[in-house]
Each structure stands twice: as structure tokens, then as C-alpha cells.
Amino acid sequence: MEIIVNEFLIITFLFFIGSMTGWILELIYRRFSIKGRKMKKWINPGFLTGPYLPLYGFSLVSLYLLAHIKINNINGIVLQKVCLFIVMAIVVTFIEYIAGMIFINTMKIKLWDYSNEWGNIKGIICPKFTCYWMMLSAIYYFLIHPSILNALQWLAKHLAFSFVIGFFYGVFIVDVCYSMKIMARIRQFAIDYELEVRYEELKNEIAKRNEEYKKKVSFLFAFKFEDITLIEYMEKYMDNLNHIKDKVIKNK
């Protein structure tokens, strides 16, 4: 029973660490990507308010579990590791695909968009980012996994560790409830107007409009409003989409 409890604490902790680390990686990547450099600002990634991305949490837990797999039916240690990293990348890509499809099908929201990337599938996975997942899997396996096992076992046996995990999940659940309420309003608007909302575009549109109205732009609370409602922002976002479509049609 103690072993099961310890393993549960380890997995919940890895989800917590993975979610926060992924948020930091995305924050840096988006700031110094071509689009981020053009905007010259830090962009809060993901659909939650706080500094965590659940996709990375699930991915880190998957890497932790997969790292225990021994591939013995392939000759050569190097080839065994390469196969393991390919499996890890495929699993994480699958998690990314499932997460993306859940939001598209149930919420009518596309959280990220790889439509301009080669070989993409429905704009939510592509070979480029699968290669990134493979590289991150190798980094985790060689640099992180060996050194964290003993530390995680030690932490799991201390009561204070459980309180830290409990506090994180308490805040996390409140954040999820808050963010899902906003998602529900966006979903209803998307259904009413038969469109698919690109979440990052919408956040950027809101930030842009707030700057135009000389309102304070919140880094964490992207959907914090004063005298302008979310529906009004959504309508402006839709008008912008229609304007872009009209320009594309004219240029054909």
C-alpha cells in the first residue's frame, strides 16, 4: 500500500513539475519565435490563467513511465535508445493530438495552430514538433530521469511534500473551473456563428484592442474586462476573420 501511495505522489508531482516547466518552455519559445519578436511582448501560453500547461504534465508522466521500458529484442544499445525515444515522441504526439481534438470537437476552440507547418494533421500535430518531442525525450532520459528517481522517492516519504502537492492541485482546480467558464462562453459564440476559434489569435486580438482603448493589458488574465464584454471582443475578432477572408478572396 505504501508503494502505491508513493508512486501516486510521484506521478502527481511529475504532472505538477511538467506543467510548470512546459509553461516556461512555451513562454520562452513564443517570446523569441518570429511572431513573438514581431509583437515584442511576452505571451501567456495555454488556456489556463496560472503558470502551467497540463499537456506537458501528462507528457512528463508518460516519459517517466516509458523510461522504465526495456527494449531487449533489438540488437545494439544505441538502436534500443533511438527506438525508445521514437516511441516516447509518438506517445507525446498522440497526447497532443487527443488534447487538440477534444477542444476542437467539444469546445470549438483550437488552442494551437500548426496549419502552416509541413505534414500537419488538422493543424494540431506535425513532424516538426514530433522531432522536438523526441529531442526533449532524449534530454529527459539522459539528464533528468536518472537523477530524479532517488529525489522523488525521498520526497514521497515526507508529509510536507503531500501538502505542497495538495496546495498546487487546489489552485489548479480553481483555475480550471475559472478558465472553463470562459471557454464555455467562447464555445457558445462559436456555435452560434458556426466558426472555429483560434485561441491564441483571440487572446492577441483582445490584447490589441485593449491597447487601442488604452486599457491595461494583463499578462495572466487575458480575458479580464472592464466596460467591454467578451461578446464584443468576439464580434471584433469575427469581423477581423471576415476581413482576412475577403482579402484572400480578392487576391485569388
C-alpha atoms as a PDB file:
ATOM      1  CA  MET A   1       0.000   0.000   0.000  1.00  0.00           C
ATOM      2  CA  GLU A   2       2.827   2.413   0.857  1.00  0.00           C
ATOM      3  CA  ILE A   3       4.459   1.732  -2.504  1.00  0.00           C
ATOM      4  CA  ILE A   4       1.208   2.588  -4.326  1.00  0.00           C
ATOM      5  CA  VAL A   5       0.809   5.828  -2.341  1.00  0.00           C
ATOM      6  CA  ASN A   6       4.431   6.824  -3.006  1.00  0.00           C
ATOM      7  CA  GLU A   7       4.069   6.124  -6.720  1.00  0.00           C
ATOM      8  CA  PHE A   8       0.839   8.149  -6.807  1.00  0.00           C
ATOM      9  CA  LEU A   9       2.592  11.101  -5.128  1.00  0.00           C
ATOM     10  CA  ILE A  10       5.488  10.827  -7.581  1.00  0.00           C
ATOM     11  CA  ILE A  11       3.157  10.882 -10.592  1.00  0.00           C
ATOM     12  CA  THR A  12       1.127  13.825  -9.258  1.00  0.00           C
ATOM     13  CA  PHE A  13       4.368  15.700  -8.542  1.00  0.00           C
ATOM     14  CA  LEU A  14       5.699  14.983 -12.042  1.00  0.00           C
ATOM     15  CA  PHE A  15       2.456  16.319 -13.522  1.00  0.00           C
ATOM     16  CA  PHE A  16       2.908  19.479 -11.444  1.00  0.00           C
ATOM     17  CA  ILE A  17       6.565  19.923 -12.449  1.00  0.00           C
ATOM     18  CA  GLY A  18       5.896  19.051 -16.090  1.00  0.00           C
ATOM     19  CA  SER A  19       3.017  21.517 -16.333  1.00  0.00           C
ATOM     20  CA  MET A  20       5.088  24.384 -14.917  1.00  0.00           C
ATOM     21  CA  THR A  21       8.261  23.532 -16.854  1.00  0.00           C
ATOM     22  CA  GLY A  22       6.263  23.261 -20.076  1.00  0.00           C
ATOM     23  CA  TRP A  23       4.713  26.666 -19.406  1.00  0.00           C
ATOM     24  CA  ILE A  24       8.191  28.181 -19.047  1.00  0.00           C
ATOM     25  CA  LEU A  25       9.412  26.498 -22.251  1.00  0.00           C
ATOM     26  CA  GLU A  26       6.374  27.729 -24.191  1.00  0.00           C
ATOM     27  CA  LEU A  27       6.713  31.213 -22.726  1.00  0.00           C
ATOM     28  CA  ILE A  28      10.324  31.478 -23.904  1.00  0.00           C
ATOM     29  CA  TYR A  29       9.629  29.835 -27.267  1.00  0.00           C
ATOM     30  CA  ARG A  30       6.733  32.154 -28.067  1.00  0.00           C
ATOM     31  CA  ARG A  31       8.622  35.259 -26.982  1.00  0.00           C
ATOM     32  CA  PHE A  32      11.605  34.557 -29.225  1.00  0.00           C
ATOM     33  CA  SER A  33       9.763  32.987 -32.150  1.00  0.00           C
ATOM     34  CA  ILE A  34       9.277  35.085 -35.274  1.00  0.00           C
ATOM     35  CA  LYS A  35       5.742  36.082 -34.238  1.00  0.00           C
ATOM     36  CA  GLY A  36       6.849  36.845 -30.677  1.00  0.00           C
ATOM     37  CA  ARG A  37       9.698  39.061 -31.870  1.00  0.00           C
ATOM     38  CA  LYS A  38       7.281  40.991 -34.070  1.00  0.00           C
ATOM     39  CA  MET A  39       4.884  41.564 -31.180  1.00  0.00           C
ATOM     40  CA  LYS A  40       7.774  42.388 -28.811  1.00  0.00           C
ATOM     41  CA  LYS A  41       5.907  41.057 -25.812  1.00  0.00           C
ATOM     42  CA  TRP A  42       5.637  38.050 -23.537  1.00  0.00           C
ATOM     43  CA  ILE A  43       2.602  35.885 -24.289  1.00  0.00           C
ATOM     44  CA  ASN A  44       0.962  33.790 -21.579  1.00  0.00           C
ATOM     45  CA  PRO A  45       0.649  30.353 -23.241  1.00  0.00           C
ATOM     46  CA  GLY A  46      -2.197  27.902 -22.799  1.00  0.00           C
ATOM     47  CA  PHE A  47      -5.850  28.249 -21.814  1.00  0.00           C
ATOM     48  CA  LEU A  48      -5.352  28.451 -18.039  1.00  0.00           C
ATOM     49  CA  THR A  49      -4.588  31.614 -16.084  1.00  0.00           C
ATOM     50  CA  GLY A  50      -1.740  30.277 -13.962  1.00  0.00           C
ATOM     51  CA  PRO A  51       1.788  29.218 -14.979  1.00  0.00           C
ATOM     52  CA  TYR A  52       1.092  25.653 -16.050  1.00  0.00           C
ATOM     53  CA  LEU A  53       0.276  23.671 -19.180  1.00  0.00           C
ATOM     54  CA  PRO A  54      -1.410  20.316 -18.435  1.00  0.00           C
ATOM     55  CA  LEU A  55      -0.308  18.910 -21.815  1.00  0.00           C
ATOM     56  CA  TYR A  56       3.301  18.966 -20.626  1.00  0.00           C
ATOM     57  CA  GLY A  57       2.278  17.475 -17.296  1.00  0.00           C
ATOM     58  CA  PHE A  58       0.701  14.457 -18.978  1.00  0.00           C
ATOM     59  CA  SER A  59       3.703  14.240 -21.301  1.00  0.00           C
ATOM     60  CA  LEU A  60       6.238  14.182 -18.451  1.00  0.00           C
ATOM     61  CA  VAL A  61       4.276  11.475 -16.634  1.00  0.00           C
ATOM     62  CA  SER A  62       4.266   9.454 -19.871  1.00  0.00           C
ATOM     63  CA  LEU A  63       8.034   9.879 -20.278  1.00  0.00           C
ATOM     64  CA  TYR A  64       8.574   8.790 -16.691  1.00  0.00           C
ATOM     65  CA  LEU A  65       6.542   5.616 -17.218  1.00  0.00           C
ATOM     66  CA  LEU A  66       8.043   4.861 -20.647  1.00  0.00           C
ATOM     67  CA  ALA A  67      11.606   5.354 -19.356  1.00  0.00           C
ATOM     68  CA  HIS A  68      11.173   2.125 -17.371  1.00  0.00           C
ATOM     69  CA  ILE A  69      10.605   0.102 -20.549  1.00  0.00           C
ATOM     70  CA  LYS A  70      13.447  -2.182 -21.631  1.00  0.00           C
ATOM     71  CA  ILE A  71      13.655  -2.916 -25.360  1.00  0.00           C
ATOM     72  CA  ASN A  72      15.609  -6.187 -25.412  1.00  0.00           C
ATOM     73  CA  ASN A  73      14.514  -7.624 -28.759  1.00  0.00           C
ATOM     74  CA  ILE A  74      16.614  -5.098 -30.725  1.00  0.00           C
ATOM     75  CA  ASN A  75      20.366  -5.544 -31.042  1.00  0.00           C
ATOM     76  CA  GLY A  76      22.584  -2.626 -30.075  1.00  0.00           C
ATOM     77  CA  ILE A  77      22.152  -0.272 -27.134  1.00  0.00           C
ATOM     78  CA  VAL A  78      22.133   2.822 -29.382  1.00  0.00           C
ATOM     79  CA  LEU A  79      19.367   1.436 -31.590  1.00  0.00           C
ATOM     80  CA  GLN A  80      17.390   0.447 -28.486  1.00  0.00           C
ATOM     81  CA  LYS A  81      17.534   4.007 -27.147  1.00  0.00           C
ATOM     82  CA  VAL A  82      16.622   5.512 -30.511  1.00  0.00           C
ATOM     83  CA  CYS A  83      13.573   3.232 -30.707  1.00  0.00           C
ATOM     84  CA  LEU A  84      12.628   4.215 -27.158  1.00  0.00           C
ATOM     85  CA  PHE A  85      12.848   7.914 -27.990  1.00  0.00           C
ATOM     86  CA  ILE A  86      10.739   7.378 -31.119  1.00  0.00           C
ATOM     87  CA  VAL A  87       8.092   5.624 -29.010  1.00  0.00           C
ATOM     88  CA  MET A  88       8.208   8.478 -26.484  1.00  0.00           C
ATOM     89  CA  ALA A  89       7.801  11.088 -29.239  1.00  0.00           C
ATOM     90  CA  ILE A  90       4.873   9.182 -30.780  1.00  0.00           C
ATOM     91  CA  VAL A  91       3.127   8.859 -27.406  1.00  0.00           C
ATOM     92  CA  VAL A  92       3.531  12.569 -26.616  1.00  0.00           C
ATOM     93  CA  THR A  93       2.367  13.487 -30.129  1.00  0.00           C
ATOM     94  CA  PHE A  94      -0.670  11.264 -29.589  1.00  0.00           C
ATOM     95  CA  ILE A  95      -1.403  13.065 -26.303  1.00  0.00           C
ATOM     96  CA  GLU A  96      -1.084  16.378 -28.154  1.00  0.00           C
ATOM     97  CA  TYR A  97      -3.464  15.145 -30.863  1.00  0.00           C
ATOM     98  CA  ILE A  98      -6.074  13.900 -28.385  1.00  0.00           C
ATOM     99  CA  ALA A  99      -5.928  17.157 -26.387  1.00  0.00           C
ATOM    100  CA  GLY A 100      -6.247  19.245 -29.540  1.00  0.00           C
ATOM    101  CA  MET A 101      -9.172  17.215 -30.892  1.00  0.00           C
ATOM    102  CA  ILE A 102     -11.027  17.313 -27.567  1.00  0.00           C
ATOM    103  CA  PHE A 103     -11.001  21.118 -27.568  1.00  0.00           C
ATOM    104  CA  ILE A 104     -11.866  21.364 -31.259  1.00  0.00           C
ATOM    105  CA  ASN A 105     -14.758  18.887 -31.129  1.00  0.00           C
ATOM    106  CA  THR A 106     -16.230  19.804 -27.745  1.00  0.00           C
ATOM    107  CA  MET A 107     -15.325  23.489 -27.333  1.00  0.00           C
ATOM    108  CA  LYS A 108     -14.955  24.624 -30.985  1.00  0.00           C
ATOM    109  CA  ILE A 109     -11.582  26.085 -29.947  1.00  0.00           C
ATOM    110  CA  LYS A 110      -8.162  25.428 -31.480  1.00  0.00           C
ATOM    111  CA  LEU A 111      -5.621  26.045 -28.706  1.00  0.00           C
ATOM    112  CA  TRP A 112      -2.644  25.993 -31.078  1.00  0.00           C
ATOM    113  CA  ASP A 113      -2.333  26.004 -34.847  1.00  0.00           C
ATOM    114  CA  TYR A 114       0.276  24.169 -36.939  1.00  0.00           C
ATOM    115  CA  SER A 115      -1.620  24.732 -40.194  1.00  0.00           C
ATOM    116  CA  ASN A 116       1.411  26.412 -41.766  1.00  0.00           C
ATOM    117  CA  GLU A 117       3.758  23.558 -40.834  1.00  0.00           C
ATOM    118  CA  TRP A 118       4.661  20.820 -43.322  1.00  0.00           C
ATOM    119  CA  GLY A 119       2.891  17.489 -42.896  1.00  0.00           C
ATOM    120  CA  ASN A 120       0.476  18.772 -40.265  1.00  0.00           C
ATOM    121  CA  ILE A 121      -2.662  16.828 -39.386  1.00  0.00           C
ATOM    122  CA  LYS A 122      -5.678  19.088 -38.789  1.00  0.00           C
ATOM    123  CA  GLY A 123      -3.272  21.804 -37.672  1.00  0.00           C
ATOM    124  CA  ILE A 124      -2.691  20.231 -34.248  1.00  0.00           C
ATOM    125  CA  ILE A 125       0.287  17.886 -34.804  1.00  0.00           C
ATOM    126  CA  CYS A 126       3.140  17.934 -37.300  1.00  0.00           C
ATOM    127  CA  PRO A 127       6.520  16.209 -37.902  1.00  0.00           C
ATOM    128  CA  LYS A 128       8.476  19.288 -36.788  1.00  0.00           C
ATOM    129  CA  PHE A 129       7.078  19.241 -33.267  1.00  0.00           C
ATOM    130  CA  THR A 130       7.253  15.451 -33.091  1.00  0.00           C
ATOM    131  CA  CYS A 131      11.010  15.866 -33.626  1.00  0.00           C
ATOM    132  CA  TYR A 132      11.042  18.427 -30.812  1.00  0.00           C
ATOM    133  CA  TRP A 133       9.280  15.895 -28.575  1.00  0.00           C
ATOM    134  CA  MET A 134      11.901  13.297 -29.500  1.00  0.00           C
ATOM    135  CA  MET A 135      14.739  15.650 -28.546  1.00  0.00           C
ATOM    136  CA  LEU A 136      13.057  16.551 -25.262  1.00  0.00           C
ATOM    137  CA  SER A 137      12.540  12.832 -24.581  1.00  0.00           C
ATOM    138  CA  ALA A 138      16.269  12.185 -25.016  1.00  0.00           C
ATOM    139  CA  ILE A 139      17.130  15.133 -22.743  1.00  0.00           C
ATOM    140  CA  TYR A 140      14.747  13.830 -20.105  1.00  0.00           C
ATOM    141  CA  TYR A 141      16.047  10.256 -20.324  1.00  0.00           C
ATOM    142  CA  PHE A 142      19.757  11.086 -20.088  1.00  0.00           C
ATOM    143  CA  LEU A 143      19.850  14.229 -17.961  1.00  0.00           C
ATOM    144  CA  ILE A 144      16.760  14.199 -15.744  1.00  0.00           C
ATOM    145  CA  HIS A 145      15.370  10.708 -15.232  1.00  0.00           C
ATOM    146  CA  PRO A 146      18.452   9.118 -13.608  1.00  0.00           C
ATOM    147  CA  SER A 147      18.894  11.962 -11.119  1.00  0.00           C
ATOM    148  CA  ILE A 148      15.283  12.434 -10.035  1.00  0.00           C
ATOM    149  CA  LEU A 149      14.383   8.870  -9.061  1.00  0.00           C
ATOM    150  CA  ASN A 150      16.074   8.946  -5.645  1.00  0.00           C
ATOM    151  CA  ALA A 151      14.907  12.521  -5.006  1.00  0.00           C
ATOM    152  CA  LEU A 152      11.292  11.618  -5.809  1.00  0.00           C
ATOM    153  CA  GLN A 153      11.397   8.565  -3.573  1.00  0.00           C
ATOM    154  CA  TRP A 154      12.771  10.700  -0.720  1.00  0.00           C
ATOM    155  CA  LEU A 155      10.145  13.421  -1.203  1.00  0.00           C
ATOM    156  CA  ALA A 156       7.283  10.927  -1.388  1.00  0.00           C
ATOM    157  CA  LYS A 157       8.087   9.715   2.143  1.00  0.00           C
ATOM    158  CA  HIS A 158       7.785  13.182   3.725  1.00  0.00           C
ATOM    159  CA  LEU A 159       4.398  14.561   4.794  1.00  0.00           C
ATOM    160  CA  ALA A 160       5.199  18.168   3.852  1.00  0.00           C
ATOM    161  CA  PHE A 161       5.588  17.004   0.253  1.00  0.00           C
ATOM    162  CA  SER A 162       1.927  15.905   0.242  1.00  0.00           C
ATOM    163  CA  PHE A 163       0.794  19.356   1.440  1.00  0.00           C
ATOM    164  CA  VAL A 164       2.727  21.065  -1.382  1.00  0.00           C
ATOM    165  CA  ILE A 165       1.108  18.783  -3.954  1.00  0.00           C
ATOM    166  CA  GLY A 166      -2.310  19.332  -2.368  1.00  0.00           C
ATOM    167  CA  PHE A 167      -1.903  23.120  -2.470  1.00  0.00           C
ATOM    168  CA  PHE A 168      -0.941  23.038  -6.149  1.00  0.00           C
ATOM    169  CA  TYR A 169      -3.931  20.928  -7.126  1.00  0.00           C
ATOM    170  CA  GLY A 170      -6.262  23.115  -5.081  1.00  0.00           C
ATOM    171  CA  VAL A 171      -5.156  26.217  -7.003  1.00  0.00           C
ATOM    172  CA  PHE A 172      -5.105  24.229 -10.244  1.00  0.00           C
ATOM    173  CA  ILE A 173      -8.729  23.073  -9.874  1.00  0.00           C
ATOM    174  CA  VAL A 174      -9.931  26.618  -9.137  1.00  0.00           C
ATOM    175  CA  ASP A 175      -8.067  27.838 -12.230  1.00  0.00           C
ATOM    176  CA  VAL A 176      -9.579  25.086 -14.396  1.00  0.00           C
ATOM    177  CA  CYS A 177     -13.100  25.994 -13.231  1.00  0.00           C
ATOM    178  CA  TYR A 178     -12.500  29.696 -13.919  1.00  0.00           C
ATOM    179  CA  SER A 179     -10.988  29.037 -17.360  1.00  0.00           C
ATOM    180  CA  MET A 180     -13.674  26.544 -18.385  1.00  0.00           C
ATOM    181  CA  LYS A 181     -16.372  29.133 -17.692  1.00  0.00           C
ATOM    182  CA  ILE A 182     -14.671  31.436 -20.192  1.00  0.00           C
ATOM    183  CA  MET A 183     -14.260  28.532 -22.615  1.00  0.00           C
ATOM    184  CA  ALA A 184     -17.986  27.773 -22.362  1.00  0.00           C
ATOM    185  CA  ARG A 185     -18.852  31.345 -23.372  1.00  0.00           C
ATOM    186  CA  ILE A 186     -16.437  31.209 -26.302  1.00  0.00           C
ATOM    187  CA  ARG A 187     -17.867  27.820 -27.310  1.00  0.00           C
ATOM    188  CA  GLN A 188     -21.415  29.157 -27.356  1.00  0.00           C
ATOM    189  CA  PHE A 189     -20.359  32.100 -29.516  1.00  0.00           C
ATOM    190  CA  ALA A 190     -18.509  29.739 -31.891  1.00  0.00           C
ATOM    191  CA  ILE A 191     -21.597  27.516 -32.189  1.00  0.00           C
ATOM    192  CA  ASP A 192     -23.922  30.470 -32.777  1.00  0.00           C
ATOM    193  CA  TYR A 193     -21.734  31.867 -35.575  1.00  0.00           C
ATOM    194  CA  GLU A 194     -20.520  28.488 -36.883  1.00  0.00           C
ATOM    195  CA  LEU A 195     -16.818  29.204 -36.594  1.00  0.00           C
ATOM    196  CA  GLU A 196     -13.720  27.639 -35.065  1.00  0.00           C
ATOM    197  CA  VAL A 197     -11.961  29.977 -32.663  1.00  0.00           C
ATOM    198  CA  ARG A 198      -8.182  30.065 -32.712  1.00  0.00           C
ATOM    199  CA  TYR A 199      -7.487  30.703 -29.057  1.00  0.00           C
ATOM    200  CA  GLU A 200      -4.117  32.442 -29.410  1.00  0.00           C
ATOM    201  CA  GLU A 201      -5.477  34.719 -32.131  1.00  0.00           C
ATOM    202  CA  LEU A 202      -8.379  35.674 -29.896  1.00  0.00           C
ATOM    203  CA  LYS A 203      -6.078  36.481 -26.960  1.00  0.00           C
ATOM    204  CA  ASN A 204      -3.870  38.577 -29.227  1.00  0.00           C
ATOM    205  CA  GLU A 205      -6.939  40.370 -30.600  1.00  0.00           C
ATOM    206  CA  ILE A 206      -8.097  41.197 -27.069  1.00  0.00           C
ATOM    207  CA  ALA A 207      -4.637  42.477 -26.111  1.00  0.00           C
ATOM    208  CA  LYS A 208      -4.530  44.565 -29.285  1.00  0.00           C
ATOM    209  CA  ARG A 209      -7.967  46.073 -28.648  1.00  0.00           C
ATOM    210  CA  ASN A 210      -7.111  46.835 -25.037  1.00  0.00           C
ATOM    211  CA  GLU A 211      -4.011  48.716 -26.172  1.00  0.00           C
ATOM    212  CA  GLU A 212      -6.116  50.657 -28.681  1.00  0.00           C
ATOM    213  CA  TYR A 213      -8.593  51.559 -25.930  1.00  0.00           C
ATOM    214  CA  LYS A 214      -5.625  52.465 -23.694  1.00  0.00           C
ATOM    215  CA  LYS A 215      -6.595  49.837 -21.166  1.00  0.00           C
ATOM    216  CA  LYS A 216      -4.105  47.910 -19.072  1.00  0.00           C
ATOM    217  CA  VAL A 217      -3.168  44.603 -20.705  1.00  0.00           C
ATOM    218  CA  SER A 218      -2.986  41.768 -18.172  1.00  0.00           C
ATOM    219  CA  PHE A 219      -0.339  39.104 -18.746  1.00  0.00           C
ATOM    220  CA  LEU A 220      -2.124  36.384 -16.776  1.00  0.00           C
ATOM    221  CA  PHE A 221      -5.766  37.469 -17.056  1.00  0.00           C
ATOM    222  CA  ALA A 222      -6.070  37.739 -20.833  1.00  0.00           C
ATOM    223  CA  PHE A 223      -9.882  37.733 -20.533  1.00  0.00           C
ATOM    224  CA  LYS A 224     -10.154  40.360 -17.820  1.00  0.00           C
ATOM    225  CA  PHE A 225     -12.532  43.113 -18.982  1.00  0.00           C
ATOM    226  CA  GLU A 226     -13.896  46.382 -17.694  1.00  0.00           C
ATOM    227  CA  ASP A 227     -16.594  48.102 -19.757  1.00  0.00           C
ATOM    228  CA  ILE A 228     -16.195  45.847 -22.816  1.00  0.00           C
ATOM    229  CA  THR A 229     -17.736  42.375 -22.741  1.00  0.00           C
ATOM    230  CA  LEU A 230     -16.276  39.140 -24.061  1.00  0.00           C
ATOM    231  CA  ILE A 231     -19.031  39.007 -26.690  1.00  0.00           C
ATOM    232  CA  GLU A 232     -17.988  42.408 -28.041  1.00  0.00           C
ATOM    233  CA  TYR A 233     -14.382  41.240 -28.278  1.00  0.00           C
ATOM    234  CA  MET A 234     -15.541  38.057 -30.015  1.00  0.00           C
ATOM    235  CA  GLU A 235     -17.543  40.071 -32.526  1.00  0.00           C
ATOM    236  CA  LYS A 236     -14.496  42.195 -33.321  1.00  0.00           C
ATOM    237  CA  TYR A 237     -12.454  39.009 -33.640  1.00  0.00           C
ATOM    238  CA  MET A 238     -15.031  37.583 -36.083  1.00  0.00           C
ATOM    239  CA  ASP A 239     -15.038  40.816 -38.085  1.00  0.00           C
ATOM    240  CA  ASN A 240     -11.267  40.568 -38.353  1.00  0.00           C
ATOM    241  CA  LEU A 241     -11.543  36.964 -39.609  1.00  0.00           C
ATOM    242  CA  ASN A 242     -14.091  38.016 -42.231  1.00  0.00           C
ATOM    243  CA  HIS A 243     -11.821  40.867 -43.321  1.00  0.00           C
ATOM    244  CA  ILE A 244      -8.915  38.449 -43.784  1.00  0.00           C
ATOM    245  CA  LYS A 245     -11.130  36.050 -45.784  1.00  0.00           C
ATOM    246  CA  ASP A 246     -12.285  38.891 -48.052  1.00  0.00           C
ATOM    247  CA  LYS A 247      -8.657  39.877 -48.741  1.00  0.00           C
ATOM    248  CA  VAL A 248      -7.757  36.284 -49.598  1.00  0.00           C
ATOM    249  CA  ILE A 249     -10.711  36.009 -51.979  1.00  0.00           C
ATOM    250  CA  LYS A 250      -9.789  39.297 -53.707  1.00  0.00           C
ATOM    251  CA  ASN A 251      -6.168  38.201 -54.167  1.00  0.00           C
ATOM    252  CA  LYS A 252      -7.201  34.966 -55.911  1.00  0.00           C
END
